[in-house]
N, C-alpha and C. Protein backbone atom coordinates (compact mmCIF):
# COMPACT_ATOMS: atom_id res chain seq x y z
N UNK A 1 -5.76 37.55 -16.71
CA UNK A 1 -4.84 38.03 -17.70
C UNK A 1 -5.37 39.29 -18.37
N UNK A 2 -6.68 39.35 -18.60
CA UNK A 2 -7.25 40.55 -19.21
C UNK A 2 -8.44 40.98 -18.38
N UNK A 3 -8.88 42.19 -18.63
CA UNK A 3 -10.01 42.69 -17.84
C UNK A 3 -11.24 42.91 -18.70
N UNK A 4 -11.30 42.29 -19.87
CA UNK A 4 -12.46 42.49 -20.74
C UNK A 4 -13.71 41.89 -20.11
N UNK A 5 -14.84 42.48 -20.44
CA UNK A 5 -16.12 41.93 -20.03
C UNK A 5 -16.37 40.67 -20.85
N UNK A 6 -16.71 39.59 -20.18
CA UNK A 6 -16.91 38.34 -20.90
C UNK A 6 -18.37 38.01 -21.14
N UNK A 7 -19.27 38.89 -20.85
CA UNK A 7 -20.67 38.67 -21.22
C UNK A 7 -21.48 38.00 -20.14
N UNK A 8 -22.26 37.00 -20.53
CA UNK A 8 -23.27 36.43 -19.65
C UNK A 8 -22.74 35.48 -18.59
N UNK A 9 -21.55 34.94 -18.76
CA UNK A 9 -20.99 34.07 -17.75
C UNK A 9 -21.43 32.62 -17.85
N UNK A 10 -22.10 32.20 -18.91
CA UNK A 10 -22.56 30.82 -19.01
C UNK A 10 -21.52 29.88 -19.61
N UNK A 11 -20.44 30.41 -20.11
CA UNK A 11 -19.39 29.58 -20.68
C UNK A 11 -18.14 29.64 -19.83
N UNK A 12 -17.10 28.94 -20.29
CA UNK A 12 -15.86 28.87 -19.52
C UNK A 12 -14.67 29.13 -20.44
N UNK A 13 -13.54 29.58 -19.87
CA UNK A 13 -12.33 29.71 -20.67
C UNK A 13 -11.74 28.34 -20.98
N UNK A 14 -10.82 28.30 -21.92
CA UNK A 14 -10.22 27.03 -22.33
C UNK A 14 -9.57 26.30 -21.16
N UNK A 15 -8.96 27.02 -20.24
CA UNK A 15 -8.29 26.38 -19.11
C UNK A 15 -9.26 25.51 -18.30
N UNK A 16 -10.52 25.89 -18.24
CA UNK A 16 -11.51 25.09 -17.52
C UNK A 16 -11.90 23.84 -18.30
N UNK A 17 -11.87 23.92 -19.63
CA UNK A 17 -12.10 22.72 -20.44
C UNK A 17 -10.97 21.74 -20.17
N UNK A 18 -9.73 22.25 -20.17
CA UNK A 18 -8.57 21.39 -19.91
C UNK A 18 -8.65 20.74 -18.53
N UNK A 19 -9.10 21.49 -17.53
CA UNK A 19 -9.20 20.95 -16.17
C UNK A 19 -10.30 19.90 -16.07
N UNK A 20 -11.44 20.15 -16.72
CA UNK A 20 -12.59 19.25 -16.62
C UNK A 20 -12.41 17.98 -17.45
N UNK A 21 -11.87 18.12 -18.65
CA UNK A 21 -11.74 16.98 -19.56
C UNK A 21 -10.38 17.03 -20.27
N UNK A 22 -9.30 16.72 -19.54
CA UNK A 22 -7.96 16.86 -20.12
C UNK A 22 -7.70 16.01 -21.36
N UNK A 23 -8.24 14.81 -21.42
CA UNK A 23 -8.01 13.96 -22.59
C UNK A 23 -8.69 14.54 -23.83
N UNK A 24 -9.95 14.93 -23.69
CA UNK A 24 -10.65 15.56 -24.81
C UNK A 24 -9.95 16.85 -25.21
N UNK A 25 -9.59 17.68 -24.24
CA UNK A 25 -8.90 18.93 -24.54
C UNK A 25 -7.61 18.68 -25.31
N UNK A 26 -6.87 17.68 -24.91
CA UNK A 26 -5.63 17.35 -25.61
C UNK A 26 -5.87 16.94 -27.04
N UNK A 27 -6.89 16.13 -27.28
CA UNK A 27 -7.22 15.72 -28.66
C UNK A 27 -7.67 16.91 -29.50
N UNK A 28 -8.45 17.80 -28.89
CA UNK A 28 -8.93 18.99 -29.60
C UNK A 28 -7.75 19.90 -29.96
N UNK A 29 -6.87 20.14 -29.01
CA UNK A 29 -5.72 21.00 -29.27
C UNK A 29 -4.81 20.40 -30.34
N UNK A 30 -4.61 19.10 -30.29
CA UNK A 30 -3.78 18.44 -31.31
C UNK A 30 -4.40 18.61 -32.69
N UNK A 31 -5.70 18.46 -32.77
CA UNK A 31 -6.39 18.58 -34.06
C UNK A 31 -6.29 20.00 -34.60
N UNK A 32 -6.52 20.99 -33.76
CA UNK A 32 -6.38 22.38 -34.20
C UNK A 32 -4.93 22.70 -34.53
N UNK A 33 -3.99 22.09 -33.81
CA UNK A 33 -2.57 22.34 -34.05
C UNK A 33 -2.03 21.76 -35.34
N UNK A 34 -2.80 20.87 -35.97
CA UNK A 34 -2.34 20.24 -37.21
C UNK A 34 -2.28 21.23 -38.38
N UNK A 35 -3.06 22.30 -38.31
CA UNK A 35 -3.10 23.31 -39.37
C UNK A 35 -3.19 24.69 -38.75
N UNK A 36 -2.75 25.69 -39.48
CA UNK A 36 -2.75 27.06 -38.98
C UNK A 36 -4.11 27.74 -39.17
N UNK A 37 -4.78 27.46 -40.28
CA UNK A 37 -6.02 28.16 -40.62
C UNK A 37 -7.23 27.25 -40.41
N UNK A 38 -8.29 27.86 -39.87
CA UNK A 38 -9.52 27.12 -39.55
C UNK A 38 -10.72 27.92 -40.04
N UNK A 39 -11.92 27.44 -39.75
CA UNK A 39 -13.13 28.10 -40.23
C UNK A 39 -13.91 28.65 -39.03
N UNK A 40 -14.16 29.96 -39.07
CA UNK A 40 -14.88 30.65 -38.02
C UNK A 40 -16.27 31.01 -38.51
N UNK A 41 -17.27 30.69 -37.73
CA UNK A 41 -18.65 31.10 -38.02
C UNK A 41 -19.01 32.24 -37.07
N UNK A 42 -19.49 33.34 -37.64
CA UNK A 42 -19.97 34.49 -36.88
C UNK A 42 -21.36 34.83 -37.38
N UNK A 43 -21.98 35.82 -36.76
CA UNK A 43 -23.31 36.25 -37.18
C UNK A 43 -23.23 37.65 -37.79
N UNK A 44 -23.75 37.77 -39.01
CA UNK A 44 -23.82 39.08 -39.66
C UNK A 44 -24.84 39.95 -38.95
N UNK A 45 -24.85 41.22 -39.30
CA UNK A 45 -25.78 42.18 -38.69
C UNK A 45 -27.24 41.74 -38.86
N UNK A 46 -27.56 41.10 -40.01
CA UNK A 46 -28.94 40.66 -40.25
C UNK A 46 -29.23 39.29 -39.65
N UNK A 47 -28.26 38.70 -38.95
CA UNK A 47 -28.46 37.41 -38.30
C UNK A 47 -28.04 36.22 -39.14
N UNK A 48 -27.70 36.45 -40.39
CA UNK A 48 -27.26 35.35 -41.25
C UNK A 48 -25.85 34.91 -40.84
N UNK A 49 -25.53 33.64 -41.05
CA UNK A 49 -24.18 33.19 -40.70
C UNK A 49 -23.13 33.68 -41.69
N UNK A 50 -21.92 33.89 -41.18
CA UNK A 50 -20.77 34.22 -42.03
C UNK A 50 -19.67 33.22 -41.69
N UNK A 51 -19.11 32.59 -42.70
CA UNK A 51 -17.97 31.69 -42.52
C UNK A 51 -16.73 32.37 -43.05
N UNK A 52 -15.66 32.35 -42.25
CA UNK A 52 -14.42 33.02 -42.61
C UNK A 52 -13.24 32.18 -42.17
N UNK A 53 -12.14 32.31 -42.88
CA UNK A 53 -10.91 31.70 -42.43
C UNK A 53 -10.36 32.48 -41.25
N UNK A 54 -9.71 31.77 -40.32
CA UNK A 54 -9.14 32.44 -39.14
C UNK A 54 -7.96 31.63 -38.63
N UNK A 55 -7.03 32.32 -38.01
CA UNK A 55 -5.94 31.66 -37.31
C UNK A 55 -6.34 31.50 -35.86
N UNK A 56 -6.32 30.26 -35.39
CA UNK A 56 -6.67 29.96 -34.00
C UNK A 56 -5.44 29.39 -33.32
N UNK A 57 -5.29 29.73 -32.05
CA UNK A 57 -4.08 29.37 -31.34
C UNK A 57 -4.37 29.13 -29.87
N UNK A 58 -3.85 28.05 -29.33
CA UNK A 58 -3.96 27.78 -27.90
C UNK A 58 -2.65 28.15 -27.24
N UNK A 59 -2.72 29.07 -26.29
CA UNK A 59 -1.54 29.40 -25.48
C UNK A 59 -2.00 30.14 -24.23
N UNK A 60 -1.18 30.04 -23.19
CA UNK A 60 -1.47 30.66 -21.89
C UNK A 60 -2.80 30.17 -21.31
N UNK A 61 -3.20 28.94 -21.62
CA UNK A 61 -4.46 28.41 -21.11
C UNK A 61 -5.70 28.98 -21.76
N UNK A 62 -5.54 29.62 -22.90
CA UNK A 62 -6.66 30.26 -23.60
C UNK A 62 -6.69 29.86 -25.07
N UNK A 63 -7.83 30.04 -25.69
CA UNK A 63 -7.98 29.89 -27.13
C UNK A 63 -8.09 31.29 -27.72
N UNK A 64 -7.20 31.61 -28.66
CA UNK A 64 -7.11 32.94 -29.25
C UNK A 64 -7.49 32.90 -30.72
N UNK A 65 -8.11 33.96 -31.18
CA UNK A 65 -8.50 34.11 -32.57
C UNK A 65 -7.86 35.39 -33.10
N UNK A 66 -6.93 35.25 -34.03
CA UNK A 66 -6.25 36.41 -34.59
C UNK A 66 -6.84 36.76 -35.94
N UNK A 67 -6.98 38.06 -36.21
CA UNK A 67 -7.57 38.47 -37.49
C UNK A 67 -7.09 39.85 -37.89
N UNK A 68 -7.33 40.18 -39.14
CA UNK A 68 -6.93 41.48 -39.67
C UNK A 68 -7.83 42.59 -39.14
N UNK A 69 -7.23 43.74 -38.94
CA UNK A 69 -7.98 44.92 -38.54
C UNK A 69 -9.03 45.24 -39.61
N UNK A 70 -10.23 45.53 -39.18
CA UNK A 70 -11.30 45.89 -40.11
C UNK A 70 -11.98 44.72 -40.80
N UNK A 71 -11.61 43.49 -40.45
CA UNK A 71 -12.24 42.34 -41.11
C UNK A 71 -13.71 42.24 -40.70
N UNK A 72 -14.52 41.69 -41.60
CA UNK A 72 -15.96 41.54 -41.32
C UNK A 72 -16.19 40.64 -40.11
N UNK A 73 -15.38 39.58 -39.98
CA UNK A 73 -15.57 38.67 -38.85
C UNK A 73 -15.31 39.40 -37.53
N UNK A 74 -14.33 40.33 -37.51
CA UNK A 74 -14.06 41.10 -36.30
C UNK A 74 -15.24 42.02 -35.98
N UNK A 75 -15.79 42.66 -37.01
CA UNK A 75 -16.96 43.51 -36.80
C UNK A 75 -18.14 42.69 -36.29
N UNK A 76 -18.30 41.48 -36.85
CA UNK A 76 -19.37 40.60 -36.37
C UNK A 76 -19.20 40.29 -34.89
N UNK A 77 -17.97 39.91 -34.48
CA UNK A 77 -17.73 39.55 -33.08
C UNK A 77 -17.88 40.73 -32.14
N UNK A 78 -17.54 41.91 -32.60
CA UNK A 78 -17.73 43.09 -31.76
C UNK A 78 -19.21 43.34 -31.50
N UNK A 79 -20.04 43.08 -32.50
CA UNK A 79 -21.48 43.31 -32.39
C UNK A 79 -22.16 42.18 -31.64
N UNK A 80 -21.78 40.94 -31.95
CA UNK A 80 -22.39 39.75 -31.34
C UNK A 80 -21.25 38.75 -31.12
N UNK A 81 -20.87 38.50 -29.89
CA UNK A 81 -19.67 37.71 -29.61
C UNK A 81 -19.80 36.20 -29.84
N UNK A 82 -20.99 35.73 -30.22
CA UNK A 82 -21.16 34.29 -30.42
C UNK A 82 -20.39 33.82 -31.66
N UNK A 83 -19.77 32.64 -31.54
CA UNK A 83 -19.01 32.08 -32.65
C UNK A 83 -19.03 30.56 -32.60
N UNK A 84 -18.70 29.96 -33.73
CA UNK A 84 -18.40 28.55 -33.84
C UNK A 84 -17.06 28.46 -34.56
N UNK A 85 -16.20 27.58 -34.11
CA UNK A 85 -14.89 27.42 -34.72
C UNK A 85 -14.71 25.95 -35.09
N UNK A 86 -14.45 25.72 -36.36
CA UNK A 86 -14.31 24.37 -36.89
C UNK A 86 -12.86 24.15 -37.32
N UNK A 87 -12.26 23.08 -36.84
CA UNK A 87 -10.87 22.77 -37.18
C UNK A 87 -10.75 22.40 -38.65
N UNK A 88 -9.72 22.90 -39.27
CA UNK A 88 -9.42 22.57 -40.66
C UNK A 88 -9.43 21.05 -40.82
N UNK A 89 -10.26 20.52 -41.73
CA UNK A 89 -10.34 19.06 -41.86
C UNK A 89 -9.12 18.44 -42.52
N UNK A 90 -8.31 19.25 -43.18
CA UNK A 90 -7.10 18.71 -43.82
C UNK A 90 -7.43 18.00 -45.11
N UNK A 91 -6.39 17.44 -45.74
CA UNK A 91 -6.59 16.76 -47.02
C UNK A 91 -7.27 15.40 -46.83
N UNK A 92 -7.96 14.97 -47.87
CA UNK A 92 -8.56 13.64 -47.84
C UNK A 92 -9.82 13.57 -47.01
N UNK A 93 -10.30 12.35 -46.86
CA UNK A 93 -11.57 12.15 -46.14
C UNK A 93 -11.44 11.09 -45.06
N UNK A 94 -10.23 10.85 -44.56
CA UNK A 94 -10.07 9.78 -43.58
C UNK A 94 -10.36 10.21 -42.14
N UNK A 95 -10.63 11.50 -41.93
CA UNK A 95 -10.91 12.05 -40.60
C UNK A 95 -9.79 11.78 -39.60
N UNK A 96 -8.56 11.76 -40.07
CA UNK A 96 -7.43 11.56 -39.17
C UNK A 96 -7.46 12.62 -38.08
N UNK A 97 -7.47 12.19 -36.84
CA UNK A 97 -7.53 13.14 -35.73
C UNK A 97 -8.93 13.58 -35.37
N UNK A 98 -9.90 13.18 -36.17
CA UNK A 98 -11.28 13.54 -35.87
C UNK A 98 -11.69 14.86 -36.47
N UNK A 99 -12.93 15.15 -36.27
CA UNK A 99 -13.59 16.36 -36.75
C UNK A 99 -13.90 17.16 -35.49
N UNK A 100 -13.36 18.38 -35.35
CA UNK A 100 -13.43 19.09 -34.09
C UNK A 100 -14.04 20.47 -34.27
N UNK A 101 -14.90 20.85 -33.29
CA UNK A 101 -15.43 22.21 -33.28
C UNK A 101 -15.67 22.66 -31.85
N UNK A 102 -15.59 23.97 -31.67
CA UNK A 102 -15.90 24.58 -30.38
C UNK A 102 -16.84 25.74 -30.64
N UNK A 103 -17.66 26.06 -29.65
CA UNK A 103 -18.60 27.17 -29.76
C UNK A 103 -18.55 27.98 -28.48
N UNK A 104 -18.92 29.24 -28.59
CA UNK A 104 -18.97 30.07 -27.40
C UNK A 104 -19.07 31.54 -27.74
N UNK A 105 -18.50 32.36 -26.86
CA UNK A 105 -18.49 33.81 -27.03
C UNK A 105 -17.04 34.29 -26.90
N UNK A 106 -16.70 35.25 -27.75
CA UNK A 106 -15.35 35.79 -27.77
C UNK A 106 -15.35 37.25 -27.33
N UNK A 107 -14.25 37.67 -26.76
CA UNK A 107 -14.08 39.09 -26.40
C UNK A 107 -12.80 39.60 -27.05
N UNK A 108 -12.87 40.83 -27.48
CA UNK A 108 -11.69 41.44 -28.08
C UNK A 108 -10.68 41.78 -26.98
N UNK A 109 -9.43 41.48 -27.25
CA UNK A 109 -8.36 41.79 -26.31
C UNK A 109 -7.85 43.18 -26.64
N UNK A 110 -7.87 44.06 -25.64
CA UNK A 110 -7.41 45.43 -25.83
C UNK A 110 -6.24 45.78 -24.91
N UNK A 111 -5.92 44.92 -23.98
CA UNK A 111 -4.84 45.15 -23.04
C UNK A 111 -3.50 45.18 -23.80
N UNK A 112 -2.79 46.31 -23.81
CA UNK A 112 -1.55 46.42 -24.57
C UNK A 112 -0.49 45.39 -24.17
N UNK A 113 -0.43 45.02 -22.90
CA UNK A 113 0.56 44.02 -22.46
C UNK A 113 0.25 42.65 -23.04
N UNK A 114 -1.02 42.28 -23.04
CA UNK A 114 -1.42 40.98 -23.58
C UNK A 114 -1.18 40.96 -25.09
N UNK A 115 -1.55 42.04 -25.77
CA UNK A 115 -1.32 42.13 -27.22
C UNK A 115 0.18 42.03 -27.54
N UNK A 116 1.00 42.71 -26.77
CA UNK A 116 2.44 42.69 -27.01
C UNK A 116 3.01 41.29 -26.76
N UNK A 117 2.55 40.64 -25.70
CA UNK A 117 3.03 39.28 -25.41
C UNK A 117 2.65 38.33 -26.53
N UNK A 118 1.41 38.41 -26.96
CA UNK A 118 0.94 37.55 -28.04
C UNK A 118 1.73 37.83 -29.33
N UNK A 119 1.90 39.09 -29.66
CA UNK A 119 2.64 39.45 -30.89
C UNK A 119 4.08 38.97 -30.83
N UNK A 120 4.71 39.05 -29.66
CA UNK A 120 6.09 38.60 -29.53
C UNK A 120 6.20 37.09 -29.73
N UNK A 121 5.19 36.35 -29.27
CA UNK A 121 5.22 34.88 -29.39
C UNK A 121 4.78 34.39 -30.76
N UNK A 122 3.75 34.99 -31.31
CA UNK A 122 3.13 34.48 -32.54
C UNK A 122 3.64 35.19 -33.79
N UNK A 123 4.01 36.45 -33.65
CA UNK A 123 4.46 37.27 -34.76
C UNK A 123 3.43 37.36 -35.90
N UNK A 124 2.21 37.79 -35.57
CA UNK A 124 1.18 37.94 -36.60
C UNK A 124 1.48 39.15 -37.49
N UNK A 125 0.90 39.18 -38.69
CA UNK A 125 1.05 40.39 -39.51
C UNK A 125 0.44 41.58 -38.77
N UNK A 126 1.11 42.69 -38.79
CA UNK A 126 0.62 43.89 -38.09
C UNK A 126 -0.02 44.84 -39.08
N UNK A 127 -1.02 45.58 -38.71
CA UNK A 127 -1.71 45.51 -37.43
C UNK A 127 -2.65 44.30 -37.40
N UNK A 128 -3.03 43.88 -36.22
CA UNK A 128 -3.92 42.73 -36.09
C UNK A 128 -4.88 42.98 -34.93
N UNK A 129 -5.96 42.21 -34.95
CA UNK A 129 -6.92 42.20 -33.84
C UNK A 129 -6.85 40.83 -33.19
N UNK A 130 -7.09 40.79 -31.91
CA UNK A 130 -7.03 39.54 -31.17
C UNK A 130 -8.28 39.39 -30.33
N UNK A 131 -8.89 38.23 -30.43
CA UNK A 131 -10.05 37.89 -29.62
C UNK A 131 -9.71 36.66 -28.79
N UNK A 132 -10.28 36.60 -27.60
CA UNK A 132 -10.11 35.45 -26.72
C UNK A 132 -11.44 34.73 -26.62
N UNK A 133 -11.41 33.42 -26.77
CA UNK A 133 -12.63 32.63 -26.59
C UNK A 133 -12.89 32.54 -25.10
N UNK A 134 -13.54 33.57 -24.58
CA UNK A 134 -13.68 33.75 -23.14
C UNK A 134 -14.73 32.83 -22.52
N UNK A 135 -15.75 32.49 -23.28
CA UNK A 135 -16.86 31.69 -22.75
C UNK A 135 -17.18 30.55 -23.70
N UNK A 136 -16.46 29.46 -23.58
CA UNK A 136 -16.77 28.29 -24.40
C UNK A 136 -18.01 27.61 -23.85
N UNK A 137 -18.93 27.30 -24.75
CA UNK A 137 -20.19 26.68 -24.34
C UNK A 137 -20.32 25.25 -24.83
N UNK A 138 -19.45 24.85 -25.76
CA UNK A 138 -19.52 23.48 -26.28
C UNK A 138 -18.21 23.11 -26.95
N UNK A 139 -17.79 21.85 -26.73
CA UNK A 139 -16.63 21.28 -27.41
C UNK A 139 -17.09 19.93 -27.95
N UNK A 140 -16.89 19.71 -29.25
CA UNK A 140 -17.35 18.47 -29.88
C UNK A 140 -16.24 17.88 -30.73
N UNK A 141 -16.06 16.57 -30.60
CA UNK A 141 -15.11 15.85 -31.45
C UNK A 141 -15.83 14.63 -32.01
N UNK A 142 -15.78 14.50 -33.33
CA UNK A 142 -16.37 13.35 -34.01
C UNK A 142 -15.22 12.58 -34.65
N UNK A 143 -15.19 11.27 -34.42
CA UNK A 143 -14.11 10.46 -34.98
C UNK A 143 -14.66 9.10 -35.39
N UNK A 144 -13.82 8.35 -36.05
CA UNK A 144 -14.19 7.00 -36.46
C UNK A 144 -13.33 6.01 -35.70
N UNK A 145 -13.99 5.13 -34.98
CA UNK A 145 -13.35 4.00 -34.32
C UNK A 145 -14.11 2.79 -34.83
N UNK A 146 -13.63 2.25 -35.96
CA UNK A 146 -14.35 1.19 -36.67
C UNK A 146 -14.87 0.14 -35.70
N UNK A 147 -16.12 -0.23 -35.83
CA UNK A 147 -17.08 0.14 -36.87
C UNK A 147 -17.95 1.34 -36.49
N UNK A 148 -17.52 2.13 -35.51
CA UNK A 148 -18.36 3.19 -34.97
C UNK A 148 -17.95 4.58 -35.43
N UNK A 149 -18.96 5.44 -35.52
CA UNK A 149 -18.77 6.87 -35.58
C UNK A 149 -18.93 7.32 -34.12
N UNK A 150 -17.92 7.98 -33.58
CA UNK A 150 -17.93 8.34 -32.16
C UNK A 150 -18.05 9.86 -32.04
N UNK A 151 -19.04 10.31 -31.28
CA UNK A 151 -19.24 11.74 -31.05
C UNK A 151 -19.04 12.00 -29.56
N UNK A 152 -18.01 12.80 -29.25
CA UNK A 152 -17.75 13.21 -27.87
C UNK A 152 -18.18 14.67 -27.76
N UNK A 153 -18.99 14.98 -26.77
CA UNK A 153 -19.42 16.37 -26.60
C UNK A 153 -19.36 16.74 -25.12
N UNK A 154 -18.96 17.98 -24.89
CA UNK A 154 -18.85 18.48 -23.53
C UNK A 154 -19.39 19.90 -23.46
N UNK A 155 -20.12 20.16 -22.39
CA UNK A 155 -20.63 21.50 -22.09
C UNK A 155 -20.28 21.82 -20.65
N UNK A 156 -20.05 23.09 -20.33
CA UNK A 156 -19.70 23.45 -18.96
C UNK A 156 -20.72 22.94 -17.95
N UNK A 157 -20.20 22.41 -16.86
CA UNK A 157 -21.06 21.93 -15.78
C UNK A 157 -21.60 20.53 -15.99
N UNK A 158 -21.32 19.93 -17.13
CA UNK A 158 -21.82 18.60 -17.41
C UNK A 158 -20.70 17.62 -17.66
N UNK A 159 -21.05 16.35 -17.70
CA UNK A 159 -20.03 15.33 -17.98
C UNK A 159 -19.75 15.23 -19.48
N UNK A 160 -18.67 14.60 -19.82
CA UNK A 160 -18.38 14.28 -21.20
C UNK A 160 -19.39 13.24 -21.67
N UNK A 161 -20.05 13.52 -22.78
CA UNK A 161 -21.00 12.56 -23.36
C UNK A 161 -20.34 11.92 -24.57
N UNK A 162 -20.39 10.61 -24.63
CA UNK A 162 -19.83 9.89 -25.79
C UNK A 162 -20.93 9.01 -26.37
N UNK A 163 -21.17 9.19 -27.67
CA UNK A 163 -22.18 8.41 -28.38
C UNK A 163 -21.46 7.66 -29.49
N UNK A 164 -21.72 6.36 -29.58
CA UNK A 164 -21.16 5.52 -30.64
C UNK A 164 -22.30 5.07 -31.55
N UNK A 165 -22.14 5.35 -32.85
CA UNK A 165 -23.16 4.97 -33.81
C UNK A 165 -22.55 4.04 -34.85
N UNK A 166 -23.35 3.09 -35.30
CA UNK A 166 -22.88 2.21 -36.36
C UNK A 166 -23.45 2.62 -37.68
């Protein structure tokens, strides 16, 4: 879909997560879909973490990160593409739908056709920047299945790991 350089090649696009672990991918997408705004972790120039609100969206088999032009998080990703994305936990503390996060590397989308398609579908405030989570390196979902705390984690090339703790 795009011709951006995706970096080191150790991660996978969202479509490969869906192919490898469709049930986990479905739960993750549902959790992210419950709210529009989520929390993005990037790295500042000095290496310190930066947490920012971001709109995340799954479409066309990809995970997209939309942001304002000139935002610090965009500058961070341009300099160092590593990120962590945490799904909005929502109101209360019942962990409905679980606690979900993904990590990897993002690339800025510059292809005018892809940007136009995304803008036509999503209608973000203009102007906007768009990044694609091109190399996902980890997907984690933590949930409660009484009496257990259940942690599901997946990394490219490996099986889904599920740990139940009491």
